[in-house]
């Protein structure tokens, strides 16, 4: 619809040279009118109630797979906000995400890092570090120097109640709680059974943000590897 500039006392709305009916000076909104208040989010039908939502089956919330996927998407949201290229892995090699700088991936100017993501709803730790029980198989895929790209553990700490993981309002989308990183390239591999658990330390100071994500591409982490 084209709005024809008003001339004289004619304030009607025009469409391709033809005035539209139903518009008048009294209906025109003042230019300095205050914007309408945003409405409260509507409450959806309860999908778990077969009476109100008979076409939906109940969905189990907060199980292991749900929690793990949320943790991975938490990291992906941060990496995307940091303007990094993000690609997933089938996790056969102990990594969930490959992060690269935009450009020719794998070159010195556009380096790559790899991340294994763990999501934790019952965090334990004392002092300055989280104490996470990591499966030996996963630990050995993060430790040592025999890699071409730096690898990191990204630990996402979430509330135990899955209803509190996300809060959406008109002002923004809040993801709880936070993610932290750790690097084990200066640690030796262990010969324990792959299904055993090894408690690793993840410093609480290593908060994962868009800024710290960029910092993980620094040369000091490549220096930990067996290749240059």
C-alpha atoms as a PDB file:
ATOM      1  CA  UNK A   1       0.000   0.000   0.000  1.00  0.00           C
ATOM      2  CA  UNK A   2       1.302   3.448  -0.936  1.00  0.00           C
ATOM      3  CA  UNK A   3       0.541   6.289   1.454  1.00  0.00           C
ATOM      4  CA  UNK A   4      -0.165   9.475  -0.471  1.00  0.00           C
ATOM      5  CA  UNK A   5       0.985  12.648   1.316  1.00  0.00           C
ATOM      6  CA  UNK A   6      -1.941  14.554   2.721  1.00  0.00           C
ATOM      7  CA  UNK A   7      -2.761  17.923   1.206  1.00  0.00           C
ATOM      8  CA  UNK A   8      -4.913  20.534   2.863  1.00  0.00           C
ATOM      9  CA  UNK A   9      -7.345  18.845   5.240  1.00  0.00           C
ATOM     10  CA  UNK A  10      -7.299  15.459   3.497  1.00  0.00           C
ATOM     11  CA  UNK A  11      -5.734  12.857   5.790  1.00  0.00           C
ATOM     12  CA  UNK A  12      -7.157   9.754   4.139  1.00  0.00           C
ATOM     13  CA  UNK A  13      -5.051   6.633   3.382  1.00  0.00           C
ATOM     14  CA  UNK A  14      -4.420   6.065  -0.326  1.00  0.00           C
ATOM     15  CA  UNK A  15      -3.659   2.861  -2.265  1.00  0.00           C
ATOM     16  CA  UNK A  16      -2.349   3.366  -5.796  1.00  0.00           C
ATOM     17  CA  UNK A  17      -4.109   6.715  -6.102  1.00  0.00           C
ATOM     18  CA  UNK A  18      -7.438   5.521  -4.668  1.00  0.00           C
ATOM     19  CA  UNK A  19      -8.523   6.627  -1.182  1.00  0.00           C
ATOM     20  CA  UNK A  20      -9.246   3.748   1.176  1.00  0.00           C
ATOM     21  CA  UNK A  21     -12.602   3.776   2.943  1.00  0.00           C
ATOM     22  CA  UNK A  22     -12.823   3.659   6.699  1.00  0.00           C
ATOM     23  CA  UNK A  23      -9.945   6.047   7.420  1.00  0.00           C
ATOM     24  CA  UNK A  24     -10.585   9.493   8.821  1.00  0.00           C
ATOM     25  CA  UNK A  25      -8.848  12.222  10.781  1.00  0.00           C
ATOM     26  CA  UNK A  26     -10.456  10.932  13.968  1.00  0.00           C
ATOM     27  CA  UNK A  27      -8.986   7.456  13.434  1.00  0.00           C
ATOM     28  CA  UNK A  28      -5.487   8.665  12.633  1.00  0.00           C
ATOM     29  CA  UNK A  29      -3.049   7.903  15.463  1.00  0.00           C
ATOM     30  CA  UNK A  30      -1.113  10.936  16.725  1.00  0.00           C
ATOM     31  CA  UNK A  31       2.536  10.847  15.653  1.00  0.00           C
ATOM     32  CA  UNK A  32       3.705  11.275  19.239  1.00  0.00           C
ATOM     33  CA  UNK A  33       1.448   8.592  20.708  1.00  0.00           C
ATOM     34  CA  UNK A  34       3.147   6.353  23.281  1.00  0.00           C
ATOM     35  CA  UNK A  35       3.721   2.748  22.098  1.00  0.00           C
ATOM     36  CA  UNK A  36       1.350   0.188  23.481  1.00  0.00           C
ATOM     37  CA  UNK A  37       2.620  -1.892  26.370  1.00  0.00           C
ATOM     38  CA  UNK A  38       3.858  -5.342  25.421  1.00  0.00           C
ATOM     39  CA  UNK A  39       1.451  -8.084  26.438  1.00  0.00           C
ATOM     40  CA  UNK A  40       2.342 -10.794  28.898  1.00  0.00           C
ATOM     41  CA  UNK A  41       3.335 -14.070  27.211  1.00  0.00           C
ATOM     42  CA  UNK A  42       0.327 -16.300  26.755  1.00  0.00           C
ATOM     43  CA  UNK A  43       0.197 -19.544  28.661  1.00  0.00           C
ATOM     44  CA  UNK A  44       0.173 -22.567  26.310  1.00  0.00           C
ATOM     45  CA  UNK A  45      -2.047 -25.542  26.817  1.00  0.00           C
ATOM     46  CA  UNK A  46      -0.673 -28.096  29.218  1.00  0.00           C
ATOM     47  CA  UNK A  47       0.757 -30.706  26.864  1.00  0.00           C
ATOM     48  CA  UNK A  48       0.835 -33.251  29.683  1.00  0.00           C
ATOM     49  CA  UNK A  49      -2.937 -32.979  30.228  1.00  0.00           C
ATOM     50  CA  UNK A  50      -4.773 -35.280  27.788  1.00  0.00           C
ATOM     51  CA  UNK A  51      -8.009 -33.394  28.417  1.00  0.00           C
ATOM     52  CA  UNK A  52      -6.699 -30.051  27.150  1.00  0.00           C
ATOM     53  CA  UNK A  53      -4.169 -31.421  24.650  1.00  0.00           C
ATOM     54  CA  UNK A  54      -5.381 -34.844  23.476  1.00  0.00           C
ATOM     55  CA  UNK A  55      -3.304 -34.664  20.269  1.00  0.00           C
ATOM     56  CA  UNK A  56       0.014 -34.549  22.159  1.00  0.00           C
ATOM     57  CA  UNK A  57       1.826 -37.210  24.084  1.00  0.00           C
ATOM     58  CA  UNK A  58       3.554 -36.237  27.285  1.00  0.00           C
ATOM     59  CA  UNK A  59       7.245 -35.428  26.876  1.00  0.00           C
ATOM     60  CA  UNK A  60       9.778 -36.380  29.506  1.00  0.00           C
ATOM     61  CA  UNK A  61      11.729 -33.292  30.475  1.00  0.00           C
ATOM     62  CA  UNK A  62      15.206 -33.143  31.949  1.00  0.00           C
ATOM     63  CA  UNK A  63      16.338 -36.686  31.116  1.00  0.00           C
ATOM     64  CA  UNK A  64      19.945 -37.433  30.220  1.00  0.00           C
ATOM     65  CA  UNK A  65      19.547 -36.867  26.484  1.00  0.00           C
ATOM     66  CA  UNK A  66      17.538 -33.681  26.961  1.00  0.00           C
ATOM     67  CA  UNK A  67      20.102 -32.291  29.364  1.00  0.00           C
ATOM     68  CA  UNK A  68      23.011 -33.186  27.117  1.00  0.00           C
ATOM     69  CA  UNK A  69      21.408 -31.596  24.080  1.00  0.00           C
ATOM     70  CA  UNK A  70      20.625 -28.431  26.033  1.00  0.00           C
ATOM     71  CA  UNK A  71      24.270 -28.182  27.093  1.00  0.00           C
ATOM     72  CA  UNK A  72      25.459 -28.498  23.500  1.00  0.00           C
ATOM     73  CA  UNK A  73      23.021 -25.845  22.287  1.00  0.00           C
ATOM     74  CA  UNK A  74      24.065 -23.571  25.170  1.00  0.00           C
ATOM     75  CA  UNK A  75      27.624 -23.681  23.838  1.00  0.00           C
ATOM     76  CA  UNK A  76      26.465 -23.246  20.261  1.00  0.00           C
ATOM     77  CA  UNK A  77      24.541 -20.099  21.215  1.00  0.00           C
ATOM     78  CA  UNK A  78      27.694 -18.620  22.770  1.00  0.00           C
ATOM     79  CA  UNK A  79      29.843 -19.554  19.775  1.00  0.00           C
ATOM     80  CA  UNK A  80      27.339 -18.092  17.340  1.00  0.00           C
ATOM     81  CA  UNK A  81      27.190 -14.880  19.362  1.00  0.00           C
ATOM     82  CA  UNK A  82      31.004 -14.823  19.137  1.00  0.00           C
ATOM     83  CA  UNK A  83      30.674 -14.982  15.319  1.00  0.00           C
ATOM     84  CA  UNK A  84      32.511 -18.293  15.052  1.00  0.00           C
ATOM     85  CA  UNK A  85      31.830 -21.074  12.580  1.00  0.00           C
ATOM     86  CA  UNK A  86      30.277 -24.027  14.397  1.00  0.00           C
ATOM     87  CA  UNK A  87      30.075 -27.579  13.101  1.00  0.00           C
ATOM     88  CA  UNK A  88      29.084 -30.682  14.984  1.00  0.00           C
ATOM     89  CA  UNK A  89      30.784 -34.042  15.188  1.00  0.00           C
ATOM     90  CA  UNK A  90      29.338 -37.531  15.537  1.00  0.00           C
ATOM     91  CA  UNK A  91      31.322 -37.723  18.791  1.00  0.00           C
ATOM     92  CA  UNK A  92      33.294 -40.769  17.649  1.00  0.00           C
ATOM     93  CA  UNK A  93      36.495 -38.907  18.454  1.00  0.00           C
ATOM     94  CA  UNK A  94      35.410 -37.416  21.767  1.00  0.00           C
ATOM     95  CA  UNK A  95      34.303 -34.012  20.481  1.00  0.00           C
ATOM     96  CA  UNK A  96      30.872 -32.437  20.068  1.00  0.00           C
ATOM     97  CA  UNK A  97      31.677 -29.116  18.383  1.00  0.00           C
ATOM     98  CA  UNK A  98      34.397 -27.868  16.056  1.00  0.00           C
ATOM     99  CA  UNK A  99      34.793 -24.097  16.254  1.00  0.00           C
ATOM    100  CA  UNK A 100      36.709 -22.133  13.630  1.00  0.00           C
ATOM    101  CA  UNK A 101      37.307 -18.502  12.805  1.00  0.00           C
ATOM    102  CA  UNK A 102      35.404 -17.370   9.684  1.00  0.00           C
ATOM    103  CA  UNK A 103      37.627 -17.775   6.648  1.00  0.00           C
ATOM    104  CA  UNK A 104      39.886 -20.592   5.492  1.00  0.00           C
ATOM    105  CA  UNK A 105      39.491 -22.993   8.381  1.00  0.00           C
ATOM    106  CA  UNK A 106      42.562 -24.834   9.614  1.00  0.00           C
ATOM    107  CA  UNK A 107      45.085 -22.193   8.569  1.00  0.00           C
ATOM    108  CA  UNK A 108      47.144 -20.260  11.093  1.00  0.00           C
ATOM    109  CA  UNK A 109      45.076 -17.147  10.537  1.00  0.00           C
ATOM    110  CA  UNK A 110      41.770 -18.992  10.884  1.00  0.00           C
ATOM    111  CA  UNK A 111      42.519 -21.641  13.526  1.00  0.00           C
ATOM    112  CA  UNK A 112      40.225 -24.337  14.831  1.00  0.00           C
ATOM    113  CA  UNK A 113      39.485 -25.648  18.306  1.00  0.00           C
ATOM    114  CA  UNK A 114      37.458 -28.683  19.335  1.00  0.00           C
ATOM    115  CA  UNK A 115      35.179 -29.089  22.320  1.00  0.00           C
ATOM    116  CA  UNK A 116      33.629 -31.893  24.296  1.00  0.00           C
ATOM    117  CA  UNK A 117      30.493 -30.673  26.099  1.00  0.00           C
ATOM    118  CA  UNK A 118      29.162 -31.999  29.388  1.00  0.00           C
ATOM    119  CA  UNK A 119      26.005 -30.716  31.048  1.00  0.00           C
ATOM    120  CA  UNK A 120      25.728 -30.976  34.836  1.00  0.00           C
ATOM    121  CA  UNK A 121      22.649 -30.421  36.986  1.00  0.00           C
ATOM    122  CA  UNK A 122      24.108 -31.496  40.340  1.00  0.00           C
ATOM    123  CA  UNK A 123      27.350 -29.527  40.530  1.00  0.00           C
ATOM    124  CA  UNK A 124      29.912 -30.222  43.218  1.00  0.00           C
ATOM    125  CA  UNK A 125      33.037 -28.331  44.030  1.00  0.00           C
ATOM    126  CA  UNK A 126      34.879 -26.460  46.677  1.00  0.00           C
ATOM    127  CA  UNK A 127      36.747 -23.217  46.575  1.00  0.00           C
ATOM    128  CA  UNK A 128      37.727 -22.086  43.106  1.00  0.00           C
ATOM    129  CA  UNK A 129      36.968 -25.209  41.058  1.00  0.00           C
ATOM    130  CA  UNK A 130      34.197 -27.532  40.042  1.00  0.00           C
ATOM    131  CA  UNK A 131      34.970 -31.223  40.610  1.00  0.00           C
ATOM    132  CA  UNK A 132      33.443 -33.109  37.717  1.00  0.00           C
ATOM    133  CA  UNK A 133      33.411 -36.948  37.429  1.00  0.00           C
ATOM    134  CA  UNK A 134      34.512 -37.528  33.840  1.00  0.00           C
ATOM    135  CA  UNK A 135      34.531 -40.946  32.223  1.00  0.00           C
ATOM    136  CA  UNK A 136      38.094 -42.137  31.593  1.00  0.00           C
ATOM    137  CA  UNK A 137      37.329 -42.767  27.917  1.00  0.00           C
ATOM    138  CA  UNK A 138      36.364 -39.110  27.489  1.00  0.00           C
ATOM    139  CA  UNK A 139      39.275 -37.868  29.572  1.00  0.00           C
ATOM    140  CA  UNK A 140      41.812 -39.724  27.428  1.00  0.00           C
ATOM    141  CA  UNK A 141      40.308 -38.128  24.309  1.00  0.00           C
ATOM    142  CA  UNK A 142      41.069 -34.691  25.760  1.00  0.00           C
ATOM    143  CA  UNK A 143      44.461 -35.319  27.357  1.00  0.00           C
ATOM    144  CA  UNK A 144      47.982 -35.492  25.967  1.00  0.00           C
ATOM    145  CA  UNK A 145      49.651 -33.645  23.119  1.00  0.00           C
ATOM    146  CA  UNK A 146      49.009 -35.866  20.095  1.00  0.00           C
ATOM    147  CA  UNK A 147      46.454 -33.617  18.359  1.00  0.00           C
ATOM    148  CA  UNK A 148      46.419 -31.158  15.481  1.00  0.00           C
ATOM    149  CA  UNK A 149      43.880 -28.837  17.132  1.00  0.00           C
ATOM    150  CA  UNK A 150      43.486 -27.815  20.776  1.00  0.00           C
ATOM    151  CA  UNK A 151      40.722 -29.645  22.628  1.00  0.00           C
ATOM    152  CA  UNK A 152      38.688 -28.411  25.565  1.00  0.00           C
ATOM    153  CA  UNK A 153      36.122 -29.640  28.016  1.00  0.00           C
ATOM    154  CA  UNK A 154      33.139 -27.289  28.151  1.00  0.00           C
ATOM    155  CA  UNK A 155      31.170 -27.885  31.341  1.00  0.00           C
ATOM    156  CA  UNK A 156      27.650 -26.422  31.318  1.00  0.00           C
ATOM    157  CA  UNK A 157      26.110 -26.098  34.791  1.00  0.00           C
ATOM    158  CA  UNK A 158      22.306 -26.022  34.802  1.00  0.00           C
ATOM    159  CA  UNK A 159      19.541 -26.031  37.447  1.00  0.00           C
ATOM    160  CA  UNK A 160      18.299 -29.433  38.537  1.00  0.00           C
ATOM    161  CA  UNK A 161      14.757 -28.440  37.551  1.00  0.00           C
ATOM    162  CA  UNK A 162      14.602 -28.329  33.733  1.00  0.00           C
ATOM    163  CA  UNK A 163      11.797 -25.744  33.911  1.00  0.00           C
ATOM    164  CA  UNK A 164      14.432 -23.279  35.113  1.00  0.00           C
ATOM    165  CA  UNK A 165      16.903 -23.805  32.283  1.00  0.00           C
ATOM    166  CA  UNK A 166      15.356 -21.096  30.120  1.00  0.00           C
ATOM    167  CA  UNK A 167      13.414 -17.933  30.838  1.00  0.00           C
ATOM    168  CA  UNK A 168      11.939 -16.064  27.866  1.00  0.00           C
ATOM    169  CA  UNK A 169      10.592 -12.520  28.188  1.00  0.00           C
ATOM    170  CA  UNK A 170      10.107  -9.550  25.881  1.00  0.00           C
ATOM    171  CA  UNK A 171      13.422  -8.208  27.173  1.00  0.00           C
ATOM    172  CA  UNK A 172      15.479 -11.255  26.302  1.00  0.00           C
ATOM    173  CA  UNK A 173      16.205 -14.960  26.531  1.00  0.00           C
ATOM    174  CA  UNK A 174      17.984 -16.123  29.676  1.00  0.00           C
ATOM    175  CA  UNK A 175      19.861 -19.439  29.726  1.00  0.00           C
ATOM    176  CA  UNK A 176      20.854 -20.851  33.122  1.00  0.00           C
ATOM    177  CA  UNK A 177      23.343 -21.136  34.565  1.00  0.00           C
ATOM    178  CA  UNK A 178      26.772 -20.884  32.930  1.00  0.00           C
ATOM    179  CA  UNK A 179      29.521 -22.755  31.075  1.00  0.00           C
ATOM    180  CA  UNK A 180      33.176 -23.233  32.036  1.00  0.00           C
ATOM    181  CA  UNK A 181      36.212 -24.550  30.177  1.00  0.00           C
ATOM    182  CA  UNK A 182      39.220 -26.687  30.997  1.00  0.00           C
ATOM    183  CA  UNK A 183      42.213 -27.889  28.966  1.00  0.00           C
ATOM    184  CA  UNK A 184      44.066 -31.142  29.737  1.00  0.00           C
ATOM    185  CA  UNK A 185      46.797 -31.216  27.082  1.00  0.00           C
ATOM    186  CA  UNK A 186      49.453 -30.983  29.782  1.00  0.00           C
ATOM    187  CA  UNK A 187      47.977 -34.030  31.555  1.00  0.00           C
ATOM    188  CA  UNK A 188      49.066 -37.581  30.883  1.00  0.00           C
ATOM    189  CA  UNK A 189      46.632 -40.215  29.677  1.00  0.00           C
ATOM    190  CA  UNK A 190      45.519 -42.767  32.246  1.00  0.00           C
ATOM    191  CA  UNK A 191      45.521 -46.561  31.880  1.00  0.00           C
ATOM    192  CA  UNK A 192      42.423 -47.026  34.024  1.00  0.00           C
ATOM    193  CA  UNK A 193      39.402 -48.821  32.582  1.00  0.00           C
ATOM    194  CA  UNK A 194      37.610 -46.630  30.063  1.00  0.00           C
ATOM    195  CA  UNK A 195      34.342 -46.879  31.987  1.00  0.00           C
ATOM    196  CA  UNK A 196      35.880 -45.712  35.269  1.00  0.00           C
ATOM    197  CA  UNK A 197      35.301 -42.142  36.401  1.00  0.00           C
ATOM    198  CA  UNK A 198      38.093 -39.649  36.951  1.00  0.00           C
ATOM    199  CA  UNK A 199      37.375 -36.470  38.888  1.00  0.00           C
ATOM    200  CA  UNK A 200      38.723 -33.465  37.002  1.00  0.00           C
ATOM    201  CA  UNK A 201      39.079 -29.898  38.138  1.00  0.00           C
ATOM    202  CA  UNK A 202      37.360 -27.151  36.142  1.00  0.00           C
ATOM    203  CA  UNK A 203      38.292 -23.661  37.419  1.00  0.00           C
ATOM    204  CA  UNK A 204      35.299 -21.458  38.159  1.00  0.00           C
ATOM    205  CA  UNK A 205      37.336 -18.523  36.879  1.00  0.00           C
ATOM    206  CA  UNK A 206      37.230 -20.117  33.399  1.00  0.00           C
ATOM    207  CA  UNK A 207      33.770 -18.743  32.616  1.00  0.00           C
ATOM    208  CA  UNK A 208      32.863 -19.282  28.979  1.00  0.00           C
ATOM    209  CA  UNK A 209      31.842 -16.040  27.259  1.00  0.00           C
ATOM    210  CA  UNK A 210      32.113 -14.685  23.733  1.00  0.00           C
ATOM    211  CA  UNK A 211      35.364 -13.029  24.759  1.00  0.00           C
ATOM    212  CA  UNK A 212      36.932 -16.056  26.423  1.00  0.00           C
ATOM    213  CA  UNK A 213      35.918 -18.215  23.458  1.00  0.00           C
ATOM    214  CA  UNK A 214      38.082 -16.015  21.241  1.00  0.00           C
ATOM    215  CA  UNK A 215      40.888 -16.328  23.769  1.00  0.00           C
ATOM    216  CA  UNK A 216      40.913 -20.122  23.408  1.00  0.00           C
ATOM    217  CA  UNK A 217      42.258 -19.695  19.871  1.00  0.00           C
ATOM    218  CA  UNK A 218      45.457 -18.201  21.267  1.00  0.00           C
ATOM    219  CA  UNK A 219      48.920 -19.621  20.445  1.00  0.00           C
ATOM    220  CA  UNK A 220      49.520 -20.726  24.032  1.00  0.00           C
ATOM    221  CA  UNK A 221      47.087 -23.602  23.546  1.00  0.00           C
ATOM    222  CA  UNK A 222      48.625 -24.701  20.251  1.00  0.00           C
ATOM    223  CA  UNK A 223      51.975 -24.682  22.035  1.00  0.00           C
ATOM    224  CA  UNK A 224      50.666 -27.491  24.264  1.00  0.00           C
ATOM    225  CA  UNK A 225      50.307 -29.814  21.250  1.00  0.00           C
ATOM    226  CA  UNK A 226      52.860 -32.088  19.652  1.00  0.00           C
ATOM    227  CA  UNK A 227      52.546 -30.219  16.339  1.00  0.00           C
ATOM    228  CA  UNK A 228      53.159 -26.573  15.550  1.00  0.00           C
END
